Structure formats: C-alpha cells, structure tokens
Protein backbone atom coordinates (compact mmCIF):
# COMPACT_ATOMS: atom_id res chain seq x y z
CA CYS A 1 111.84 80.75 92.37
CA PHE A 2 108.42 81.43 93.91
CA LYS A 3 108.35 82.25 97.59
CA ALA A 4 104.93 81.30 98.96
CA ALA A 5 102.76 84.11 100.31
CA LYS A 6 101.96 84.40 103.98
CA GLU A 7 99.93 86.88 106.02
CA HIS A 8 101.56 88.02 109.25
CA ASP A 9 99.40 88.84 112.26
CA ILE A 10 100.19 91.76 114.55
CA PRO A 11 101.17 90.21 117.91
CA GLU A 12 98.73 90.94 120.73
CA ASP A 13 101.61 91.90 123.01
CA LEU A 14 102.89 95.04 121.29
CA ASP A 15 105.60 95.55 123.88
CA LYS A 16 107.09 92.19 122.90
CA THR A 17 107.16 93.37 119.28
CA LEU A 18 109.42 96.25 120.31
CA GLU A 19 111.48 94.26 122.80
CA ASN A 20 115.24 94.62 122.26
CA LYS A 21 114.62 97.06 119.41
CA VAL A 22 116.61 100.28 119.16
CA MET A 23 114.55 102.97 117.42
CA GLU A 24 115.82 105.89 115.38
CA THR A 25 113.98 108.69 113.57
CA ALA A 26 114.12 110.22 110.11
CA SER A 27 111.57 112.44 108.37
CA GLY A 28 109.59 112.38 111.61
CA LEU A 29 109.17 108.60 111.48
CA TYR A 30 110.35 105.95 113.90
CA TYR A 31 112.26 103.02 112.45
CA VAL A 32 114.18 100.07 113.82
CA ASN A 33 117.98 100.25 113.81
CA THR A 34 118.72 97.44 111.35
CA SER A 35 122.25 96.78 112.60
CA VAL A 36 120.81 95.66 115.94
CA VAL A 37 118.21 93.52 114.11
CA GLU A 38 120.96 91.90 112.04
CA MET A 39 122.85 90.98 115.22
CA THR A 40 119.66 89.48 116.68
CA CYS A 41 119.05 87.53 113.47
CA LEU A 42 122.58 86.14 113.48
CA GLY A 43 121.76 84.97 117.01
CA GLY A 44 118.97 82.77 115.70
CA ALA A 45 115.91 85.01 115.14
CA ASP A 46 116.12 84.67 111.34
CA ARG A 47 114.40 81.47 110.23
CA GLU A 48 115.08 82.30 106.56
CA GLY A 49 118.80 82.74 107.17
CA ILE A 50 118.87 85.85 104.97
CA VAL A 51 121.18 87.83 107.23
CA SER A 52 123.88 85.15 107.41
CA GLN A 53 123.66 84.66 103.62
CA SER A 54 123.83 88.41 103.03
CA VAL A 55 126.88 88.70 105.29
CA SER A 56 128.68 85.69 103.79
CA SER A 57 128.05 86.80 100.21
CA ARG A 58 128.70 90.48 101.03
CA SER A 59 125.60 91.44 99.09
CA ASP A 60 122.38 93.33 99.83
CA LEU A 61 120.64 91.46 97.01
CA ILE A 62 120.55 87.70 96.51
CA PRO A 63 117.95 87.01 93.80
CA GLY A 64 115.22 84.66 95.00
CA VAL A 65 116.65 84.64 98.54
CA TYR A 66 116.98 88.18 99.91
CA GLU A 67 115.79 91.31 98.14
CA GLY A 68 117.27 94.12 100.25
CA GLY A 69 114.41 94.72 102.70
CA LEU A 70 116.65 95.12 105.75
CA LYS A 71 117.96 98.45 104.45
CA ILE A 72 116.18 101.76 103.90
CA TRP A 73 117.14 102.86 100.39
CA GLU A 74 117.41 106.56 99.57
CA CYS A 75 114.54 106.71 97.06
CA THR A 76 112.14 106.02 99.95
CA PHE A 77 112.88 109.50 101.32
CA ASP A 78 112.55 111.00 97.81
CA LEU A 79 109.01 109.63 97.65
CA ILE A 80 108.14 110.82 101.17
CA ASP A 81 109.30 114.31 100.18
CA TYR A 82 107.21 114.14 97.01
CA PHE A 83 104.04 113.27 98.97
CA SER A 84 104.43 116.55 100.83
CA GLU A 85 105.42 118.66 97.81
CA ALA A 86 102.61 117.33 95.59
CA GLU A 87 100.10 117.25 98.47
CA ILE A 88 99.19 113.63 97.77
CA GLN A 89 95.99 112.84 99.64
CA PHE A 90 95.69 109.49 101.43
CA THR A 91 92.47 110.23 103.36
CA ASN A 92 90.03 107.31 103.03
CA LYS A 93 92.23 105.61 100.41
CA THR A 94 93.25 101.95 100.28
CA VAL A 95 97.03 101.81 99.95
CA LEU A 96 99.62 99.10 99.22
CA ASP A 97 103.30 99.53 100.14
CA LEU A 98 104.81 97.05 97.66
CA GLY A 99 108.31 95.79 98.42
CA CYS A 100 107.90 97.69 101.66
CA GLY A 101 111.08 96.88 103.61
CA ALA A 102 110.89 99.23 106.59
CA GLY A 103 107.35 100.19 105.59
CA LEU A 104 107.92 103.94 105.89
CA LEU A 105 105.85 104.75 102.78
CA GLY A 106 102.85 102.86 104.11
CA ILE A 107 103.29 104.43 107.54
CA VAL A 108 103.16 107.93 105.98
CA ALA A 109 99.91 106.89 104.25
CA LEU A 110 98.59 105.60 107.57
CA ARG A 111 99.35 108.93 109.20
CA GLY A 112 97.64 110.59 106.25
CA LYS A 113 94.38 108.92 107.36
CA ALA A 114 94.30 106.17 104.76
CA GLU A 115 91.38 103.78 105.24
CA LYS A 116 93.54 100.65 104.82
CA VAL A 117 97.27 100.12 104.38
CA HIS A 118 98.75 96.79 103.33
CA PHE A 119 102.49 96.05 103.46
CA GLN A 120 104.30 93.45 101.32
CA ASP A 121 107.91 92.34 101.35
CA TYR A 122 109.58 89.31 99.77
CA ASN A 123 111.08 88.14 103.08
CA SER A 124 109.09 87.10 106.15
CA THR A 125 112.05 88.03 108.38
CA VAL A 126 111.79 91.63 107.15
CA ILE A 127 108.06 91.78 107.91
CA ASP A 128 108.44 90.29 111.42
CA GLU A 129 111.62 92.03 112.50
CA ILE A 130 111.39 95.39 110.68
CA THR A 131 108.02 96.29 109.15
CA VAL A 132 105.63 95.28 111.93
CA PRO A 133 107.80 96.83 114.70
CA ASN A 134 108.06 100.07 112.70
CA ALA A 135 104.28 100.24 112.20
CA VAL A 136 103.70 99.53 115.91
CA ALA A 137 106.28 102.14 117.04
CA ASN A 138 104.77 104.85 114.82
CA CYS A 139 101.21 104.08 115.90
CA ILE A 140 102.08 104.03 119.61
CA ASN A 141 104.10 107.24 119.23
CA LYS A 142 101.70 108.91 116.84
CA GLY A 143 102.11 112.28 118.52
CA ASN A 144 105.32 112.69 116.54
CA ARG A 145 104.24 114.29 113.26
CA THR A 146 105.67 113.42 109.86
CA GLY A 147 108.09 116.10 108.74
CA SER A 148 109.14 117.03 105.22
CA GLY A 149 112.88 116.50 105.64
CA GLY A 150 114.13 113.52 103.67
CA ASP A 151 117.86 113.53 104.21
CA GLY A 152 117.77 110.35 106.28
CA LYS A 153 119.42 112.08 109.24
CA ASN A 154 118.05 111.70 112.73
CA SER A 155 115.65 114.52 113.53
CA LYS A 156 115.90 113.71 117.25
CA PRO A 157 117.96 111.31 119.40
CA PRO A 158 117.22 107.59 119.01
CA LEU A 159 114.30 106.38 121.09
CA LYS A 160 115.62 103.28 122.81
CA ARG A 161 112.47 102.53 124.78
CA PRO A 162 109.21 103.26 122.94
CA LYS A 163 106.46 103.99 125.41
CA LYS A 164 104.33 101.08 126.57
CA ALA A 165 101.27 100.08 124.58
CA GLU A 166 98.12 99.82 126.66
CA ARG A 167 96.16 98.20 123.83
CA LEU A 168 96.16 97.73 120.06
CA PRO A 169 95.84 101.28 118.66
CA ASP A 170 92.82 101.63 116.37
CA VAL A 171 95.06 102.75 113.52
CA LEU A 172 96.88 99.39 113.52
CA THR A 173 93.60 97.60 112.77
CA LYS A 174 93.79 99.25 109.32
CA CYS A 175 97.00 97.32 108.53
CA ARG A 176 97.71 93.92 106.99
CA PHE A 177 101.18 92.48 106.42
CA PHE A 178 102.26 89.98 103.77
CA SER A 179 105.48 88.25 102.76
CA GLY A 180 106.18 86.31 99.59
CA GLU A 181 106.66 86.75 95.87
CA TRP A 182 104.38 89.35 94.24
CA SER A 183 102.19 86.99 92.20
CA GLU A 184 101.77 84.69 95.20
CA VAL A 185 100.65 87.59 97.40
CA SER A 186 98.17 88.70 94.72
CA GLN A 187 96.70 85.21 94.63
CA LEU A 188 96.45 85.12 98.42
CA LEU A 189 94.59 88.44 98.49
CA PHE A 190 92.05 87.31 95.91
CA THR A 191 91.46 83.88 97.47
CA SER A 192 91.48 84.90 101.16
CA ASN A 193 88.19 84.76 103.05
CA LYS A 194 88.89 88.32 104.25
CA PRO A 195 87.23 91.07 102.18
CA PHE A 196 89.54 92.63 99.61
CA SER A 197 89.15 95.62 97.32
CA LYS A 198 91.72 96.86 94.82
CA TYR A 199 94.06 99.66 95.84
CA ASP A 200 93.55 103.36 95.19
CA ILE A 201 97.28 103.97 95.59
CA ILE A 202 100.26 101.62 95.25
CA LEU A 203 103.60 102.89 96.56
CA THR A 204 106.88 101.24 95.66
CA SER A 205 110.52 102.26 95.97
CA GLU A 206 113.65 100.77 94.38
CA THR A 207 111.85 97.70 93.03
CA ILE A 208 112.92 98.03 89.37
CA TYR A 209 116.65 97.34 89.81
CA ASN A 210 116.38 93.90 88.15
CA PRO A 211 114.82 93.66 84.65
CA ASP A 212 114.06 89.97 85.30
CA TYR A 213 111.33 91.12 87.71
CA TYR A 214 109.61 93.61 85.38
CA SER A 215 106.97 91.22 84.11
CA ALA A 216 105.98 90.10 87.63
CA LEU A 217 105.89 93.68 88.91
CA HIS A 218 103.87 94.96 85.94
CA ASP A 219 101.34 92.12 86.22
CA THR A 220 100.98 92.64 89.97
CA LEU A 221 100.30 96.36 89.52
CA ALA A 222 97.77 95.61 86.77
CA GLN A 223 95.97 93.04 88.94
CA LEU A 224 95.87 94.99 92.20
CA LEU A 225 95.38 98.64 91.18
CA ASP A 226 91.86 100.03 91.07
CA LYS A 227 90.80 101.18 87.59
CA SER A 228 91.10 104.84 88.64
CA GLY A 229 94.10 104.28 90.94
CA ARG A 230 97.65 105.62 90.85
CA VAL A 231 101.08 104.03 91.30
CA TYR A 232 103.93 106.14 92.70
CA LEU A 233 107.28 104.51 91.97
CA ALA A 234 110.64 105.84 93.13
CA SER A 235 113.84 104.60 91.52
CA LYS A 236 117.36 105.43 90.48
CA ALA A 237 117.63 106.26 86.80
CA HIS A 238 120.18 103.45 86.39
CA TYR A 239 121.27 100.54 88.58
CA PHE A 240 124.83 99.87 87.54
CA GLY A 241 125.82 96.24 87.77
CA VAL A 242 122.22 95.00 87.87
CA GLY A 243 120.93 96.55 84.66
CA GLY A 244 117.57 98.05 85.63
CA GLY A 245 116.36 101.62 85.96
CA ILE A 246 113.73 104.14 84.90
CA PRO A 247 114.30 104.26 81.09
CA LEU A 248 114.30 100.47 80.78
CA PHE A 249 111.18 100.04 82.92
CA GLU A 250 109.41 102.86 81.06
CA LYS A 251 110.17 101.13 77.76
CA PHE A 252 108.80 97.85 79.17
CA VAL A 253 105.58 99.55 80.33
CA VAL A 254 105.08 101.28 76.96
CA GLU A 255 105.44 97.95 75.15
CA ARG A 256 102.81 96.34 77.41
CA ASN A 257 100.38 99.19 76.56
CA VAL A 258 98.40 98.89 79.82
CA PHE A 259 99.62 101.93 81.79
CA ARG A 260 100.50 105.50 80.95
CA THR A 261 103.51 106.86 82.80
CA SER A 262 104.93 110.27 83.63
CA ILE A 263 108.10 111.34 85.43
CA VAL A 264 106.79 113.78 88.04
CA LYS A 265 110.11 114.56 89.75
CA THR A 266 113.81 114.15 89.01
CA ILE A 267 116.51 114.41 91.68
CA ASP A 268 119.98 115.16 90.33
CA LYS A 269 122.02 114.91 93.54
CA GLY A 270 124.54 112.09 93.10
CA LEU A 271 123.09 109.27 91.00
CA GLN A 272 120.02 110.60 89.22
CA ARG A 273 116.76 109.45 90.84
CA CYS A 274 113.17 109.78 89.65
CA ILE A 275 109.57 109.58 90.80
CA MET A 276 107.24 107.98 88.26
CA GLU A 277 103.45 108.11 88.35
CA MET A 278 101.48 105.36 86.61
CA ALA A 279 97.79 105.04 85.81
CA PHE A 280 95.72 102.80 83.54
CA LYS A 281 95.56 104.13 79.98
CA ASP A 282 91.77 103.98 79.92
CA SER A 283 91.30 105.67 83.31
C-alpha cells in the first residue's frame, strides 16, 4: 500500500494554525495536546479518517492506514537527551525528521541552528494537525530554551494561548513538511522543482517496530543521506506483538552491507531502549 507523497505548506495565518489548540511542554518544547486534536478530528477535521479507525480498532498502529503519528513515543525523549549528552551539533546542517509525528526531533535541530529541517510523516492529518502547529508554536515562542529533561513531564503549565504571530518567523522558512510513504517522499524530493540536497543528519524514532518496513526504511536512508552523513535512530530493543526491534534491524542492515552501525546508548529503565548511529561503510 503506497500512500502518495504530498508537500504541506505552512499557512500564512499562523494564528489560525494554533486556533483551538491546547499546548503543553516537555523537555522545554511546546507540543499540541493530542487528545484535543483527536476530539477535533472526530468532529470532521480528519480527512483520512485515521482517528475514527484508530478508536474503532483500539489500535495505535494500522498498517498502511495509520502509523502512530498522533502519539509521542518515549524513545523520542531518549534521543533528545542523547543530543545534549553527546553534544550533537546541528549548526548549518540539513536535517530530516523521518516518521516525525509531533516533530520534536526536528524542532530541536531547528533550535540548534540547523540550516534546513524537513519533516515527514506517513499521515497528512498528523502533519496538518500536529507537526506544523508544533513547529509554529516553538518558533513563535522561541524564547523558551530546550532543556535536557526527557521524562515527558510538563516543565511548566500548559500554554493554552500561544502568543500572536506578527509574521512568519525567519526560522520557519527553513522548514518543509511532507506526508506519504517513504519511497514516495524520496521520489517527490528528487523530482520537485525546488532545490534539494541530501541530508547531513537523519533523525528517526520508533520506526523499526515492523520488519515488513525494513527494506523501505533502509532504501530511503541510503537514498537521502549525504555520503558523510549520520543517522540517529531511537528504538525499543524489542517490540512484542509486532516483531521488530534493534537486533533484528541491525541484522538486516549488516546483510545489506551499505551502512555500519553502532549502539551509542542503551536505556535499561522498563523495556530496554537503544540509540543507534548509522553511517555509510565507505564514509
């Protein structure tokens, strides 16, 4: 099932983007309260119908329909913590937040003075209702600095009314937003009349839960990463009930013989989680 790729423009009226949104904070970042978004979507704002299908099937993952982008998964905060601990530099880099969901990884890169940040999620509803509003809120409220805490708890009370936007902040002009299946988005990037250069850094969190997607993910990384670039991938060691996880994906990558991998951090609280770094073997 191939979901066609689409680029999403940032609305000129930024206040409308944040209309009826309830904002919360974690790790010093603003993000939309997804429960409120889900209620709005059930009221007719979801052209894909992913929220109603997710509710009726009682599942956060419906292969080929909805891939979990309305939730912020815990490995996202693991990766944000790692950026700080390892002093990952985003200055003047081109960055892709792949399978972005809320887009928090890309927003951290944006705050780290990346030159360009692109966001991709499978679902257009996620991009329109979650990712773009989060990027807008963090750019308008950029005085709030990114912290190092990654426990997902609110660092300050929810911000129900983000301050008004007088104009499109310069930092937002560095962003592009895409929905669709990975290979379709890659094709769109290469065939678009907008200039495109491969990414210095690709960030991705909790995208290796389903082994059926490994080939598409691997090929997308190989196509879009600059020859001297790095991939930072956060994942649970095992996804029970779905079958994926770090050891299985590592084995897949080794067999393909394109990338070298290293586990740069392991988190042993609860289900074991890992941060993997990938680079081309010949880099």
